[in-house]
Structures are given as C-alpha cells and as structure tokens.
C-alpha cells in the first residue's frame, strides 16, 4: 500500500484538489482510500440517531451498515490518538492511500499552496514534500504543478509511484 500526503494551510484547496484527482486515479484502475485528519473534535453521527445514542450510552465501538456502505466509530475515551500507520493498517487493501492533513508525518507529500492565503510555503522546512501544487508562477527547486490542472497532478502521482494505467484492481 502506497501513501501520499497532501499538506497545506487551511483554505489552500486540499479537499477540492482531492475531489478532482480521485476520479482521475480511479479511471486508471487504482483503488484509492483517503484518511483525513481533523485538528478538532468532530462527529460523523447525529444527535438523536440510534448510533449516537449507543455511543452516548458508553459503547466503545459502534458500527452501522447498509446495502450501500458501512462505518465504524471508535471512541477514544482513555486512548491516545492513533498514529497514521495504525490507521492505514485498518484500511482494506488498496493501491494508494491519500492523506489529507498529518503535515508532520514523514511520508511523501504534495504541498498545496494558494498565494491568496498569504501563508509561506511549507517545503523549505519539510524534506518530505516532493512537489508543490500551486497557483503561483514562481520558479521553485521542486516540481511545480498547476493547482487548476488536476490531470497534471494525477499524472505526476502515477509517475511518482510507477503506476501503469489500468493494471490494478
């Protein structure tokens, strides 16, 4: 299982970029999984729903399933936040895990940068950044990909990991 991170400040366009490149990578026969890190308390459940009520009652894990999808919610009551490799180990087999967030993890990453945010580039301090996806025309010492050209980014990922079109699945 190969892993690629997407790092960048809030508002840089990481989620939007992922929305565009996931279908392009899937068209090449790749099975893609995503791990999104949240820096805040979050809940995918809704108050009043059965699964929410089960968790509120003290269930350690609650799984909900249908003919379309299933989800497992695990409460971290007295546990530390799991490390990225532990989360990856819980995923079903896939060709590529795209990771949004986890900026400090020592994994290959694409930096997503928009000049309008006013934030500095991350790559000078992060040696794991392999390319910068940006709207800037500045010349950088790393490969620079156009943030508005999802196919260019998908092609870079395919080449970086030596994936050959439609030989996966």
N, C-alpha and C. Protein backbone atom coordinates (compact mmCIF):
# COMPACT_ATOMS: atom_id res chain seq x y z
N UNK A 1 0.85 -1.17 0.00
CA UNK A 1 0.00 0.00 0.00
C UNK A 1 0.90 1.24 0.00
N UNK A 2 0.69 2.08 -0.99
CA UNK A 2 1.48 3.30 -1.10
C UNK A 2 0.70 4.44 -0.45
N UNK A 3 1.43 5.40 0.12
CA UNK A 3 0.81 6.51 0.85
C UNK A 3 1.35 7.82 0.32
N UNK A 4 0.46 8.78 0.10
CA UNK A 4 0.84 10.12 -0.34
C UNK A 4 0.05 11.15 0.44
N UNK A 5 0.76 12.07 1.05
CA UNK A 5 0.12 13.11 1.83
C UNK A 5 -0.15 14.36 1.01
N UNK A 6 -1.13 15.11 1.44
CA UNK A 6 -1.45 16.43 0.89
C UNK A 6 -1.39 17.40 2.05
N UNK A 7 -0.40 18.27 2.03
CA UNK A 7 -0.17 19.20 3.13
C UNK A 7 -0.39 20.62 2.65
N UNK A 8 -0.89 21.44 3.54
CA UNK A 8 -1.10 22.84 3.21
C UNK A 8 -1.96 23.47 4.27
N UNK A 9 -1.93 24.78 4.30
CA UNK A 9 -2.73 25.51 5.28
C UNK A 9 -4.21 25.42 4.93
N UNK A 10 -5.05 25.66 5.91
CA UNK A 10 -6.50 25.70 5.70
C UNK A 10 -6.83 26.72 4.62
N UNK A 11 -7.71 26.34 3.72
CA UNK A 11 -8.10 27.25 2.64
C UNK A 11 -7.23 27.16 1.41
N UNK A 12 -6.25 26.26 1.41
CA UNK A 12 -5.34 26.16 0.26
C UNK A 12 -5.95 25.34 -0.88
N UNK A 13 -6.97 24.54 -0.59
CA UNK A 13 -7.62 23.77 -1.65
C UNK A 13 -7.31 22.29 -1.65
N UNK A 14 -6.87 21.74 -0.53
CA UNK A 14 -6.52 20.32 -0.47
C UNK A 14 -7.72 19.43 -0.80
N UNK A 15 -8.84 19.69 -0.15
CA UNK A 15 -10.03 18.85 -0.36
C UNK A 15 -10.53 18.96 -1.79
N UNK A 16 -10.58 20.17 -2.31
CA UNK A 16 -11.04 20.38 -3.69
C UNK A 16 -10.13 19.64 -4.67
N UNK A 17 -8.82 19.71 -4.46
CA UNK A 17 -7.88 19.00 -5.32
C UNK A 17 -8.11 17.50 -5.24
N UNK A 18 -8.27 16.97 -4.04
CA UNK A 18 -8.51 15.54 -3.88
C UNK A 18 -9.80 15.12 -4.60
N UNK A 19 -10.84 15.94 -4.50
CA UNK A 19 -12.10 15.63 -5.19
C UNK A 19 -11.89 15.50 -6.70
N UNK A 20 -10.97 16.26 -7.23
CA UNK A 20 -10.73 16.23 -8.67
C UNK A 20 -9.81 15.09 -9.10
N UNK A 21 -8.81 14.76 -8.28
CA UNK A 21 -7.84 13.75 -8.72
C UNK A 21 -8.27 12.31 -8.40
N UNK A 22 -9.11 12.11 -7.38
CA UNK A 22 -9.54 10.75 -7.06
C UNK A 22 -10.21 10.08 -8.26
N UNK A 23 -11.18 10.73 -8.92
CA UNK A 23 -11.79 10.07 -10.09
C UNK A 23 -10.78 9.80 -11.22
N UNK A 24 -9.82 10.70 -11.39
CA UNK A 24 -8.80 10.51 -12.44
C UNK A 24 -7.93 9.30 -12.14
N UNK A 25 -7.57 9.11 -10.88
CA UNK A 25 -6.76 7.96 -10.49
C UNK A 25 -7.59 6.67 -10.58
N UNK A 26 -8.86 6.75 -10.21
CA UNK A 26 -9.74 5.58 -10.32
C UNK A 26 -9.90 5.15 -11.78
N UNK A 27 -9.95 6.12 -12.69
CA UNK A 27 -10.06 5.79 -14.12
C UNK A 27 -8.86 4.99 -14.61
N UNK A 28 -7.75 5.08 -13.90
CA UNK A 28 -6.56 4.32 -14.26
C UNK A 28 -6.54 2.94 -13.60
N UNK A 29 -7.64 2.58 -12.94
CA UNK A 29 -7.76 1.26 -12.34
C UNK A 29 -7.25 1.17 -10.92
N UNK A 30 -6.93 2.30 -10.30
CA UNK A 30 -6.42 2.27 -8.94
C UNK A 30 -7.55 2.26 -7.92
N UNK A 31 -7.34 1.51 -6.86
CA UNK A 31 -8.25 1.54 -5.71
C UNK A 31 -7.66 2.55 -4.73
N UNK A 32 -8.43 3.61 -4.46
CA UNK A 32 -7.97 4.74 -3.66
C UNK A 32 -8.71 4.78 -2.33
N UNK A 33 -7.97 4.99 -1.25
CA UNK A 33 -8.56 5.25 0.06
C UNK A 33 -8.04 6.60 0.54
N UNK A 34 -8.79 7.23 1.43
CA UNK A 34 -8.42 8.55 1.95
C UNK A 34 -8.48 8.54 3.47
N UNK A 35 -7.50 9.14 4.08
CA UNK A 35 -7.53 9.41 5.53
C UNK A 35 -7.46 10.91 5.69
N UNK A 36 -8.41 11.47 6.39
CA UNK A 36 -8.47 12.91 6.64
C UNK A 36 -8.25 13.13 8.13
N UNK A 37 -7.27 13.98 8.45
CA UNK A 37 -7.01 14.31 9.85
C UNK A 37 -7.76 15.58 10.22
N UNK A 38 -8.44 15.55 11.34
CA UNK A 38 -9.14 16.73 11.84
C UNK A 38 -8.40 17.24 13.08
N UNK A 39 -8.19 18.54 13.15
CA UNK A 39 -7.49 19.13 14.30
C UNK A 39 -8.45 19.51 15.41
N UNK A 40 -9.67 19.10 15.30
CA UNK A 40 -10.69 19.49 16.27
C UNK A 40 -11.61 18.30 16.54
N UNK A 41 -12.44 18.44 17.54
CA UNK A 41 -13.41 17.41 17.82
C UNK A 41 -14.40 17.36 16.65
N UNK A 42 -14.73 16.18 16.19
CA UNK A 42 -15.67 16.06 15.09
C UNK A 42 -16.61 14.91 15.39
N UNK A 43 -17.71 14.89 14.71
CA UNK A 43 -18.66 13.80 14.87
C UNK A 43 -19.34 13.56 13.54
N UNK A 44 -19.30 12.32 13.07
CA UNK A 44 -19.99 11.98 11.83
C UNK A 44 -21.41 11.52 12.13
N UNK A 45 -21.71 11.41 13.40
CA UNK A 45 -23.01 10.95 13.85
C UNK A 45 -23.90 12.15 14.15
N UNK A 46 -25.20 11.91 14.28
CA UNK A 46 -26.15 12.99 14.56
C UNK A 46 -26.87 12.74 15.87
N UNK A 47 -26.96 13.78 16.71
CA UNK A 47 -27.69 13.62 17.97
C UNK A 47 -29.11 13.09 17.72
N UNK A 48 -29.52 12.17 18.56
CA UNK A 48 -30.85 11.60 18.44
C UNK A 48 -30.90 10.31 17.64
N UNK A 49 -29.94 10.10 16.74
CA UNK A 49 -29.92 8.87 15.94
C UNK A 49 -29.50 7.70 16.83
N UNK A 50 -29.90 6.50 16.43
CA UNK A 50 -29.63 5.31 17.25
C UNK A 50 -28.15 5.15 17.57
N UNK A 51 -27.29 5.27 16.54
CA UNK A 51 -25.85 5.06 16.76
C UNK A 51 -25.29 6.12 17.71
N UNK A 52 -25.75 7.34 17.61
CA UNK A 52 -25.32 8.40 18.53
C UNK A 52 -25.72 8.03 19.96
N UNK A 53 -26.93 7.53 20.10
CA UNK A 53 -27.43 7.15 21.42
C UNK A 53 -26.63 5.98 22.00
N UNK A 54 -26.22 5.04 21.13
CA UNK A 54 -25.40 3.92 21.60
C UNK A 54 -24.06 4.42 22.12
N UNK A 55 -23.44 5.34 21.39
CA UNK A 55 -22.15 5.90 21.83
C UNK A 55 -22.31 6.69 23.12
N UNK A 56 -23.36 7.49 23.20
CA UNK A 56 -23.62 8.27 24.42
C UNK A 56 -23.84 7.37 25.62
N UNK A 57 -24.36 6.18 25.37
CA UNK A 57 -24.60 5.22 26.45
C UNK A 57 -23.31 4.56 26.91
N UNK A 58 -22.22 4.72 26.13
CA UNK A 58 -20.93 4.19 26.55
C UNK A 58 -20.32 3.12 25.68
N UNK A 59 -20.91 2.84 24.53
CA UNK A 59 -20.33 1.82 23.65
C UNK A 59 -18.93 2.25 23.21
N UNK A 60 -18.00 1.31 23.23
CA UNK A 60 -16.62 1.57 22.81
C UNK A 60 -16.52 1.75 21.30
N UNK A 61 -17.23 0.88 20.55
CA UNK A 61 -17.32 0.99 19.10
C UNK A 61 -18.77 0.79 18.68
N UNK A 62 -19.15 1.51 17.65
CA UNK A 62 -20.48 1.36 17.07
C UNK A 62 -20.30 1.24 15.56
N UNK A 63 -20.87 0.19 14.99
CA UNK A 63 -20.82 0.03 13.55
C UNK A 63 -22.23 0.17 13.00
N UNK A 64 -22.33 0.88 11.89
CA UNK A 64 -23.60 0.99 11.20
C UNK A 64 -23.37 0.50 9.78
N UNK A 65 -24.33 -0.26 9.26
CA UNK A 65 -24.15 -0.85 7.94
C UNK A 65 -25.45 -0.84 7.17
N UNK A 66 -25.32 -0.74 5.86
CA UNK A 66 -26.47 -0.83 4.96
C UNK A 66 -26.00 -1.53 3.70
N UNK A 67 -26.88 -1.62 2.73
CA UNK A 67 -26.51 -2.22 1.45
C UNK A 67 -25.61 -1.32 0.63
N UNK A 68 -25.36 -0.09 1.08
CA UNK A 68 -24.54 0.87 0.33
C UNK A 68 -23.18 1.17 0.97
N UNK A 69 -23.10 1.10 2.31
CA UNK A 69 -21.84 1.44 2.99
C UNK A 69 -21.90 0.99 4.43
N UNK A 70 -20.75 0.97 5.06
CA UNK A 70 -20.70 0.75 6.50
C UNK A 70 -19.68 1.70 7.10
N UNK A 71 -19.86 2.00 8.35
CA UNK A 71 -18.93 2.89 9.06
C UNK A 71 -18.74 2.37 10.47
N UNK A 72 -17.53 2.51 10.96
CA UNK A 72 -17.19 2.10 12.32
C UNK A 72 -16.74 3.35 13.07
N UNK A 73 -17.39 3.61 14.17
CA UNK A 73 -16.99 4.73 15.03
C UNK A 73 -16.36 4.15 16.28
N UNK A 74 -15.18 4.62 16.61
CA UNK A 74 -14.41 4.13 17.74
C UNK A 74 -14.16 5.31 18.67
N UNK A 75 -14.59 5.19 19.90
CA UNK A 75 -14.42 6.27 20.87
C UNK A 75 -13.03 6.19 21.51
N UNK A 76 -12.33 7.30 21.52
CA UNK A 76 -11.01 7.37 22.16
C UNK A 76 -11.18 7.95 23.57
N UNK A 77 -11.76 7.19 24.46
CA UNK A 77 -12.04 7.73 25.80
C UNK A 77 -10.77 7.89 26.62
N UNK A 78 -10.00 6.86 26.77
CA UNK A 78 -8.76 6.93 27.55
C UNK A 78 -7.54 6.56 26.68
N UNK A 79 -7.71 6.61 25.37
CA UNK A 79 -6.64 6.21 24.46
C UNK A 79 -6.04 7.42 23.79
N UNK A 80 -4.81 7.28 23.35
CA UNK A 80 -4.16 8.34 22.58
C UNK A 80 -4.69 8.30 21.15
N UNK A 81 -4.51 9.40 20.45
CA UNK A 81 -4.90 9.43 19.05
C UNK A 81 -4.04 8.43 18.28
N UNK A 82 -4.64 7.62 17.42
CA UNK A 82 -3.85 6.63 16.68
C UNK A 82 -2.89 7.29 15.70
N UNK A 83 -1.74 6.64 15.52
CA UNK A 83 -0.75 7.12 14.55
C UNK A 83 -1.24 6.79 13.14
N UNK A 84 -0.71 7.49 12.17
CA UNK A 84 -1.12 7.29 10.79
C UNK A 84 -0.94 5.84 10.35
N UNK A 85 0.17 5.21 10.69
CA UNK A 85 0.40 3.83 10.26
C UNK A 85 -0.62 2.88 10.88
N UNK A 86 -1.09 3.17 12.08
CA UNK A 86 -2.12 2.34 12.70
C UNK A 86 -3.45 2.48 11.95
N UNK A 87 -3.76 3.69 11.52
CA UNK A 87 -4.98 3.91 10.76
C UNK A 87 -4.90 3.23 9.40
N UNK A 88 -3.75 3.33 8.75
CA UNK A 88 -3.57 2.67 7.45
C UNK A 88 -3.75 1.16 7.57
N UNK A 89 -3.29 0.59 8.67
CA UNK A 89 -3.40 -0.85 8.88
C UNK A 89 -4.86 -1.29 9.00
N UNK A 90 -5.76 -0.39 9.35
CA UNK A 90 -7.18 -0.72 9.49
C UNK A 90 -7.93 -0.65 8.15
N UNK A 91 -7.30 -0.06 7.14
CA UNK A 91 -7.96 0.08 5.84
C UNK A 91 -7.97 -1.25 5.09
N UNK A 92 -8.96 -1.42 4.26
CA UNK A 92 -8.99 -2.57 3.34
C UNK A 92 -7.85 -2.40 2.34
N UNK A 93 -7.40 -3.49 1.72
CA UNK A 93 -6.33 -3.38 0.74
C UNK A 93 -6.69 -2.38 -0.36
N UNK A 94 -5.72 -1.58 -0.74
CA UNK A 94 -5.90 -0.61 -1.81
C UNK A 94 -4.54 -0.34 -2.45
N UNK A 95 -4.56 0.39 -3.56
CA UNK A 95 -3.31 0.73 -4.23
C UNK A 95 -2.65 1.95 -3.64
N UNK A 96 -3.47 2.92 -3.23
CA UNK A 96 -2.93 4.21 -2.80
C UNK A 96 -3.82 4.82 -1.73
N UNK A 97 -3.18 5.25 -0.63
CA UNK A 97 -3.88 5.99 0.42
C UNK A 97 -3.48 7.45 0.29
N UNK A 98 -4.47 8.30 0.09
CA UNK A 98 -4.24 9.74 0.04
C UNK A 98 -4.56 10.29 1.42
N UNK A 99 -3.63 11.04 1.97
CA UNK A 99 -3.75 11.52 3.35
C UNK A 99 -3.85 13.04 3.33
N UNK A 100 -4.97 13.55 3.84
CA UNK A 100 -5.14 15.00 3.94
C UNK A 100 -4.88 15.39 5.38
N UNK A 101 -3.91 16.26 5.57
CA UNK A 101 -3.50 16.62 6.92
C UNK A 101 -2.27 15.83 7.30
N UNK A 102 -2.08 15.61 8.59
CA UNK A 102 -0.89 14.91 9.09
C UNK A 102 0.38 15.55 8.52
N UNK A 103 0.44 16.87 8.58
CA UNK A 103 1.57 17.63 8.00
C UNK A 103 2.93 17.16 8.49
N UNK A 104 3.00 16.74 9.77
CA UNK A 104 4.31 16.42 10.33
C UNK A 104 4.72 14.96 10.12
N UNK A 105 3.89 14.16 9.49
CA UNK A 105 4.25 12.75 9.26
C UNK A 105 5.37 12.64 8.23
N UNK A 106 6.29 11.71 8.43
CA UNK A 106 7.41 11.52 7.49
C UNK A 106 7.02 10.68 6.28
N UNK A 107 6.04 11.17 5.51
CA UNK A 107 5.59 10.48 4.30
C UNK A 107 5.76 11.44 3.12
N UNK A 108 5.87 10.88 1.92
CA UNK A 108 5.92 11.71 0.72
C UNK A 108 4.66 12.56 0.67
N UNK A 109 4.83 13.85 0.35
CA UNK A 109 3.68 14.76 0.34
C UNK A 109 3.74 15.70 -0.84
N UNK A 110 2.54 16.08 -1.28
CA UNK A 110 2.39 17.20 -2.20
C UNK A 110 1.95 18.38 -1.34
N UNK A 111 2.63 19.50 -1.50
CA UNK A 111 2.19 20.70 -0.80
C UNK A 111 1.19 21.42 -1.68
N UNK A 112 0.04 21.76 -1.11
CA UNK A 112 -0.99 22.51 -1.82
C UNK A 112 -0.92 23.94 -1.29
N UNK A 113 -0.65 24.88 -2.19
CA UNK A 113 -0.41 26.27 -1.77
C UNK A 113 -1.12 27.25 -2.69
N UNK A 114 -1.89 28.13 -2.09
CA UNK A 114 -2.52 29.23 -2.83
C UNK A 114 -1.90 30.52 -2.35
N UNK A 115 -1.46 31.35 -3.28
CA UNK A 115 -0.81 32.60 -2.91
C UNK A 115 -1.75 33.53 -2.16
N UNK A 116 -3.06 33.48 -2.45
CA UNK A 116 -4.03 34.38 -1.82
C UNK A 116 -4.14 34.17 -0.31
N UNK A 117 -3.75 32.98 0.18
CA UNK A 117 -3.85 32.74 1.62
C UNK A 117 -2.82 33.54 2.41
N UNK A 118 -1.73 33.94 1.73
CA UNK A 118 -0.69 34.71 2.39
C UNK A 118 0.24 33.89 3.26
N UNK A 119 0.06 32.58 3.29
CA UNK A 119 0.92 31.71 4.10
C UNK A 119 2.22 31.41 3.37
N UNK A 120 3.28 31.17 4.12
CA UNK A 120 4.55 30.79 3.48
C UNK A 120 4.47 29.34 2.98
N UNK A 121 5.36 29.00 2.08
CA UNK A 121 5.46 27.62 1.60
C UNK A 121 6.00 26.73 2.71
N UNK A 122 5.55 25.50 2.73
CA UNK A 122 5.99 24.54 3.74
C UNK A 122 7.27 23.81 3.35
N UNK A 123 7.49 23.65 2.02
CA UNK A 123 8.57 22.76 1.56
C UNK A 123 9.96 23.12 2.10
N UNK A 124 10.29 24.39 2.34
CA UNK A 124 11.66 24.61 2.81
C UNK A 124 11.96 23.95 4.16
N UNK A 125 10.91 23.70 4.96
CA UNK A 125 11.12 23.11 6.28
C UNK A 125 10.69 21.64 6.33
N UNK A 126 10.13 21.12 5.26
CA UNK A 126 9.65 19.74 5.23
C UNK A 126 10.30 19.02 4.06
N UNK A 127 11.26 18.18 4.38
CA UNK A 127 12.01 17.46 3.35
C UNK A 127 11.21 16.33 2.71
N UNK A 128 10.01 16.06 3.22
CA UNK A 128 9.17 15.00 2.66
C UNK A 128 8.27 15.51 1.54
N UNK A 129 8.26 16.82 1.32
CA UNK A 129 7.46 17.37 0.23
C UNK A 129 8.20 17.12 -1.08
N UNK A 130 7.50 16.44 -2.01
CA UNK A 130 8.12 16.04 -3.26
C UNK A 130 7.77 16.96 -4.42
N UNK A 131 6.69 17.74 -4.26
CA UNK A 131 6.26 18.68 -5.30
C UNK A 131 5.31 19.68 -4.67
N UNK A 132 5.16 20.83 -5.33
CA UNK A 132 4.24 21.88 -4.86
C UNK A 132 3.15 22.07 -5.91
N UNK A 133 1.90 21.97 -5.45
CA UNK A 133 0.74 22.20 -6.30
C UNK A 133 0.26 23.61 -5.95
N UNK A 134 0.34 24.53 -6.92
CA UNK A 134 0.12 25.93 -6.58
C UNK A 134 -0.45 26.72 -7.75
N UNK A 135 -0.92 27.92 -7.43
CA UNK A 135 -1.36 28.86 -8.45
C UNK A 135 -0.26 29.88 -8.76
N UNK A 136 0.86 29.75 -8.07
CA UNK A 136 1.98 30.67 -8.27
C UNK A 136 2.78 30.28 -9.51
N UNK A 137 3.33 31.27 -10.18
CA UNK A 137 4.19 31.03 -11.35
C UNK A 137 5.67 31.11 -10.96
N UNK A 138 5.94 31.21 -9.66
CA UNK A 138 7.33 31.31 -9.18
C UNK A 138 8.10 30.04 -9.53
N UNK A 139 9.37 30.21 -9.79
CA UNK A 139 10.25 29.06 -10.06
C UNK A 139 10.70 28.51 -8.71
N UNK A 140 10.44 27.24 -8.48
CA UNK A 140 10.79 26.59 -7.22
C UNK A 140 11.79 25.47 -7.49
N UNK A 141 12.54 25.07 -6.47
CA UNK A 141 13.52 23.98 -6.65
C UNK A 141 12.88 22.59 -6.66
N UNK A 142 11.58 22.52 -6.50
CA UNK A 142 10.85 21.26 -6.56
C UNK A 142 9.94 21.26 -7.78
N UNK A 143 9.49 20.10 -8.22
CA UNK A 143 8.50 20.09 -9.30
C UNK A 143 7.29 20.94 -8.88
N UNK A 144 6.80 21.75 -9.80
CA UNK A 144 5.67 22.64 -9.53
C UNK A 144 4.53 22.24 -10.45
N UNK A 145 3.37 21.98 -9.84
CA UNK A 145 2.20 21.54 -10.58
C UNK A 145 1.12 22.61 -10.46
N UNK A 146 0.33 22.77 -11.51
CA UNK A 146 -0.73 23.79 -11.56
C UNK A 146 -1.94 23.31 -10.76
N UNK A 147 -2.34 24.09 -9.78
CA UNK A 147 -3.45 23.71 -8.90
C UNK A 147 -4.76 23.57 -9.67
N UNK A 148 -4.85 24.21 -10.83
CA UNK A 148 -6.07 24.14 -11.64
C UNK A 148 -6.00 23.06 -12.72
N UNK A 149 -4.96 22.24 -12.70
CA UNK A 149 -4.79 21.17 -13.68
C UNK A 149 -4.73 19.82 -12.97
N UNK A 150 -5.91 19.32 -12.60
CA UNK A 150 -5.99 18.07 -11.84
C UNK A 150 -5.34 16.90 -12.59
N UNK A 151 -5.49 16.86 -13.91
CA UNK A 151 -4.89 15.77 -14.68
C UNK A 151 -3.37 15.79 -14.56
N UNK A 152 -2.78 16.98 -14.53
CA UNK A 152 -1.33 17.10 -14.37
C UNK A 152 -0.90 16.51 -13.02
N UNK A 153 -1.67 16.79 -11.99
CA UNK A 153 -1.36 16.28 -10.65
C UNK A 153 -1.52 14.76 -10.63
N UNK A 154 -2.62 14.26 -11.20
CA UNK A 154 -2.84 12.81 -11.25
C UNK A 154 -1.71 12.11 -12.02
N UNK A 155 -1.30 12.69 -13.13
CA UNK A 155 -0.22 12.11 -13.93
C UNK A 155 1.09 12.08 -13.13
N UNK A 156 1.35 13.13 -12.38
CA UNK A 156 2.55 13.19 -11.55
C UNK A 156 2.52 12.05 -10.51
N UNK A 157 1.38 11.84 -9.88
CA UNK A 157 1.24 10.78 -8.89
C UNK A 157 1.46 9.41 -9.53
N UNK A 158 0.85 9.19 -10.67
CA UNK A 158 1.03 7.91 -11.38
C UNK A 158 2.50 7.66 -11.70
N UNK A 159 3.18 8.70 -12.17
CA UNK A 159 4.59 8.56 -12.50
C UNK A 159 5.44 8.37 -11.25
N UNK A 160 5.17 9.14 -10.21
CA UNK A 160 5.97 9.06 -8.97
C UNK A 160 5.95 7.65 -8.40
N UNK A 161 4.77 7.02 -8.40
CA UNK A 161 4.65 5.68 -7.83
C UNK A 161 4.80 4.58 -8.87
N UNK A 162 5.12 4.94 -10.10
CA UNK A 162 5.29 3.98 -11.19
C UNK A 162 4.05 3.11 -11.40
N UNK A 163 2.88 3.74 -11.26
CA UNK A 163 1.64 3.02 -11.56
C UNK A 163 1.47 3.03 -13.07
N UNK A 164 1.09 1.89 -13.61
CA UNK A 164 0.84 1.80 -15.03
C UNK A 164 -0.67 1.76 -15.25
N UNK A 165 -1.18 2.47 -16.22
CA UNK A 165 -2.63 2.58 -16.42
C UNK A 165 -3.32 1.23 -16.48
N UNK A 166 -4.40 1.15 -15.73
CA UNK A 166 -5.33 0.01 -15.74
C UNK A 166 -4.72 -1.35 -15.50
N UNK A 167 -3.65 -1.42 -14.71
CA UNK A 167 -3.12 -2.74 -14.38
C UNK A 167 -3.32 -3.07 -12.89
N UNK A 168 -4.30 -2.39 -12.28
CA UNK A 168 -4.59 -2.61 -10.87
C UNK A 168 -6.04 -3.00 -10.71
N UNK A 169 -6.38 -3.47 -9.49
CA UNK A 169 -7.78 -3.74 -9.20
C UNK A 169 -8.04 -5.12 -8.76
